[in-house]
Amino acid sequence: MFDALADADLIDGLSDAGRAEAAAIARRLALIGELDARRERDLAETIFWRTDPFEEVAAEVSAALAISRARAGGQIQYARALRDKLPLVAAVFAAGAIDYRVVRTIITRTA
C-alpha cells in the first residue's frame, strides 16, 4: 500500500493524519458544544416540565455517535470546557496543533 512512498513521505503522512484526527475531534466537540448551547436556550423556559438540557443533549449525542450515555456526558463536559473556559485551546486544537490527550489534560488541570 505504501511501497512507493519514501520514508520522509511516510512521516509526513503520519503528521498530516495526526493533525487531521485532532481537527476532526475538535470539530466533533465544537458541534456538541453548539448543540448543547442551543438546547440550553431552547429549554430555558420549559426546564421545570421538560427534561434537563444536559440529559437531552447526552441522549442525542449518544444516539448520533453510537456511544454510551456516560461517554456522551463526558464529551459534553469537554465541549463545554472548550467553549466556555478555554476558547484559545479550542482554536489550537481545531488547527490540529495539539491532540486530544493534551486537551483532556489541560481541561482536567484547569477545571
C-alpha atoms as a PDB file:
ATOM      1  CA  MET A   1       0.000   0.000   0.000  1.00  0.00           C
ATOM      2  CA  PHE A   2       2.794   2.417   0.867  1.00  0.00           C
ATOM      3  CA  ASP A   3       5.620   0.713  -1.012  1.00  0.00           C
ATOM      4  CA  ALA A   4       6.100   3.626  -3.410  1.00  0.00           C
ATOM      5  CA  LEU A   5       6.470   6.198  -0.629  1.00  0.00           C
ATOM      6  CA  ALA A   6       9.816   7.323   0.709  1.00  0.00           C
ATOM      7  CA  ASP A   7      10.382   7.300   4.461  1.00  0.00           C
ATOM      8  CA  ALA A   8      10.007  11.085   4.609  1.00  0.00           C
ATOM      9  CA  ASP A   9       6.647  10.802   2.861  1.00  0.00           C
ATOM     10  CA  LEU A  10       5.506   8.224   5.411  1.00  0.00           C
ATOM     11  CA  ILE A  11       6.470  10.537   8.259  1.00  0.00           C
ATOM     12  CA  ASP A  12       4.749  13.488   6.576  1.00  0.00           C
ATOM     13  CA  GLY A  13       1.669  11.319   6.142  1.00  0.00           C
ATOM     14  CA  LEU A  14       1.714  10.433   9.828  1.00  0.00           C
ATOM     15  CA  SER A  15       1.923  14.101  10.778  1.00  0.00           C
ATOM     16  CA  ASP A  16      -0.894  15.010   8.419  1.00  0.00           C
ATOM     17  CA  ALA A  17      -3.066  12.182   9.744  1.00  0.00           C
ATOM     18  CA  GLY A  18      -2.437  13.231  13.350  1.00  0.00           C
ATOM     19  CA  ARG A  19      -3.368  16.841  12.641  1.00  0.00           C
ATOM     20  CA  ALA A  20      -6.468  15.769  10.718  1.00  0.00           C
ATOM     21  CA  GLU A  21      -7.516  13.471  13.558  1.00  0.00           C
ATOM     22  CA  ALA A  22      -7.113  16.250  16.136  1.00  0.00           C
ATOM     23  CA  ALA A  23      -9.047  18.679  13.941  1.00  0.00           C
ATOM     24  CA  ALA A  24     -11.846  16.131  13.470  1.00  0.00           C
ATOM     25  CA  ILE A  25     -12.155  15.552  17.217  1.00  0.00           C
ATOM     26  CA  ALA A  26     -12.105  19.314  17.818  1.00  0.00           C
ATOM     27  CA  ARG A  27     -14.891  19.736  15.270  1.00  0.00           C
ATOM     28  CA  ARG A  28     -16.947  16.998  16.925  1.00  0.00           C
ATOM     29  CA  LEU A  29     -16.596  18.683  20.318  1.00  0.00           C
ATOM     30  CA  ALA A  30     -17.416  22.092  18.825  1.00  0.00           C
ATOM     31  CA  LEU A  31     -20.572  20.634  17.276  1.00  0.00           C
ATOM     32  CA  ILE A  32     -21.526  19.082  20.611  1.00  0.00           C
ATOM     33  CA  GLY A  33     -20.887  22.424  22.319  1.00  0.00           C
ATOM     34  CA  GLU A  34     -23.118  24.237  19.850  1.00  0.00           C
ATOM     35  CA  LEU A  35     -25.900  21.655  20.223  1.00  0.00           C
ATOM     36  CA  ASP A  36     -25.621  21.984  23.998  1.00  0.00           C
ATOM     37  CA  ALA A  37     -25.829  25.786  23.829  1.00  0.00           C
ATOM     38  CA  ARG A  38     -28.878  25.605  21.580  1.00  0.00           C
ATOM     39  CA  ARG A  39     -30.657  23.129  23.842  1.00  0.00           C
ATOM     40  CA  GLU A  40     -29.932  25.288  26.882  1.00  0.00           C
ATOM     41  CA  ARG A  41     -31.542  28.264  25.127  1.00  0.00           C
ATOM     42  CA  ASP A  42     -34.453  26.231  23.752  1.00  0.00           C
ATOM     43  CA  LEU A  43     -35.264  24.577  27.060  1.00  0.00           C
ATOM     44  CA  ALA A  44     -34.670  27.551  29.361  1.00  0.00           C
ATOM     45  CA  GLU A  45     -38.354  28.376  29.715  1.00  0.00           C
ATOM     46  CA  THR A  46     -39.529  24.783  29.969  1.00  0.00           C
ATOM     47  CA  ILE A  47     -36.905  23.478  32.371  1.00  0.00           C
ATOM     48  CA  PHE A  48     -39.440  22.641  35.085  1.00  0.00           C
ATOM     49  CA  TRP A  49     -41.627  20.432  32.932  1.00  0.00           C
ATOM     50  CA  ARG A  50     -39.204  19.052  30.360  1.00  0.00           C
ATOM     51  CA  THR A  51     -36.028  17.083  30.545  1.00  0.00           C
ATOM     52  CA  ASP A  52     -32.770  18.601  31.686  1.00  0.00           C
ATOM     53  CA  PRO A  53     -30.913  20.088  28.673  1.00  0.00           C
ATOM     54  CA  PHE A  54     -27.802  18.089  29.586  1.00  0.00           C
ATOM     55  CA  GLU A  55     -29.765  14.836  29.519  1.00  0.00           C
ATOM     56  CA  GLU A  56     -31.390  15.736  26.213  1.00  0.00           C
ATOM     57  CA  VAL A  57     -28.047  16.525  24.602  1.00  0.00           C
ATOM     58  CA  ALA A  58     -26.498  13.395  26.111  1.00  0.00           C
ATOM     59  CA  ALA A  59     -29.253  11.297  24.553  1.00  0.00           C
ATOM     60  CA  GLU A  60     -28.800  12.984  21.168  1.00  0.00           C
ATOM     61  CA  VAL A  61     -25.006  12.685  21.221  1.00  0.00           C
ATOM     62  CA  SER A  62     -25.206   9.098  22.409  1.00  0.00           C
ATOM     63  CA  ALA A  63     -27.508   8.164  19.546  1.00  0.00           C
ATOM     64  CA  ALA A  64     -25.578  10.121  16.912  1.00  0.00           C
ATOM     65  CA  LEU A  65     -22.192   8.672  17.858  1.00  0.00           C
ATOM     66  CA  ALA A  66     -23.394   5.218  18.950  1.00  0.00           C
ATOM     67  CA  ILE A  67     -21.746   5.626  22.350  1.00  0.00           C
ATOM     68  CA  SER A  68     -22.995   5.209  25.900  1.00  0.00           C
ATOM     69  CA  ARG A  69     -24.835   7.977  27.701  1.00  0.00           C
ATOM     70  CA  ALA A  70     -21.961   8.236  30.187  1.00  0.00           C
ATOM     71  CA  ARG A  71     -19.404   8.701  27.432  1.00  0.00           C
ATOM     72  CA  ALA A  72     -21.668  11.244  25.739  1.00  0.00           C
ATOM     73  CA  GLY A  73     -21.862  13.111  29.042  1.00  0.00           C
ATOM     74  CA  GLY A  74     -18.091  13.273  29.192  1.00  0.00           C
ATOM     75  CA  GLN A  75     -17.970  14.621  25.658  1.00  0.00           C
ATOM     76  CA  ILE A  76     -20.452  17.337  26.628  1.00  0.00           C
ATOM     77  CA  GLN A  77     -18.323  18.312  29.625  1.00  0.00           C
ATOM     78  CA  TYR A  78     -15.224  18.613  27.420  1.00  0.00           C
ATOM     79  CA  ALA A  79     -17.185  20.554  24.813  1.00  0.00           C
ATOM     80  CA  ARG A  80     -18.464  22.969  27.458  1.00  0.00           C
ATOM     81  CA  ALA A  81     -14.990  23.498  28.883  1.00  0.00           C
ATOM     82  CA  LEU A  82     -13.534  24.270  25.468  1.00  0.00           C
ATOM     83  CA  ARG A  83     -16.446  26.518  24.511  1.00  0.00           C
ATOM     84  CA  ASP A  84     -16.808  28.441  27.758  1.00  0.00           C
ATOM     85  CA  LYS A  85     -13.455  28.391  29.545  1.00  0.00           C
ATOM     86  CA  LEU A  86     -10.757  27.546  27.026  1.00  0.00           C
ATOM     87  CA  PRO A  87     -11.596  29.035  23.618  1.00  0.00           C
ATOM     88  CA  LEU A  88      -7.926  29.598  22.767  1.00  0.00           C
ATOM     89  CA  VAL A  89      -7.156  25.950  23.472  1.00  0.00           C
ATOM     90  CA  ALA A  90     -10.144  25.045  21.295  1.00  0.00           C
ATOM     91  CA  ALA A  91      -8.696  27.103  18.439  1.00  0.00           C
ATOM     92  CA  VAL A  92      -5.280  25.456  18.700  1.00  0.00           C
ATOM     93  CA  PHE A  93      -6.968  22.051  18.886  1.00  0.00           C
ATOM     94  CA  ALA A  94      -9.094  22.810  15.821  1.00  0.00           C
ATOM     95  CA  ALA A  95      -5.932  23.663  13.906  1.00  0.00           C
ATOM     96  CA  GLY A  96      -4.588  20.222  14.764  1.00  0.00           C
ATOM     97  CA  ALA A  97      -1.602  21.592  16.660  1.00  0.00           C
ATOM     98  CA  ILE A  98      -2.371  19.602  19.828  1.00  0.00           C
ATOM     99  CA  ASP A  99      -4.011  16.228  20.238  1.00  0.00           C
ATOM    100  CA  TYR A 100      -6.964  15.041  22.293  1.00  0.00           C
ATOM    101  CA  ARG A 101      -4.831  13.696  25.146  1.00  0.00           C
ATOM    102  CA  VAL A 102      -3.231  17.105  25.614  1.00  0.00           C
ATOM    103  CA  VAL A 103      -6.636  18.798  25.515  1.00  0.00           C
ATOM    104  CA  ARG A 104      -8.042  16.396  28.119  1.00  0.00           C
ATOM    105  CA  THR A 105      -5.052  17.066  30.352  1.00  0.00           C
ATOM    106  CA  ILE A 106      -5.471  20.832  30.022  1.00  0.00           C
ATOM    107  CA  ILE A 107      -9.184  20.592  30.807  1.00  0.00           C
ATOM    108  CA  THR A 108      -8.583  18.318  33.790  1.00  0.00           C
ATOM    109  CA  ARG A 109      -5.889  20.532  35.258  1.00  0.00           C
ATOM    110  CA  THR A 110      -7.692  23.828  34.733  1.00  0.00           C
ATOM    111  CA  ALA A 111     -11.220  22.847  35.716  1.00  0.00           C
END
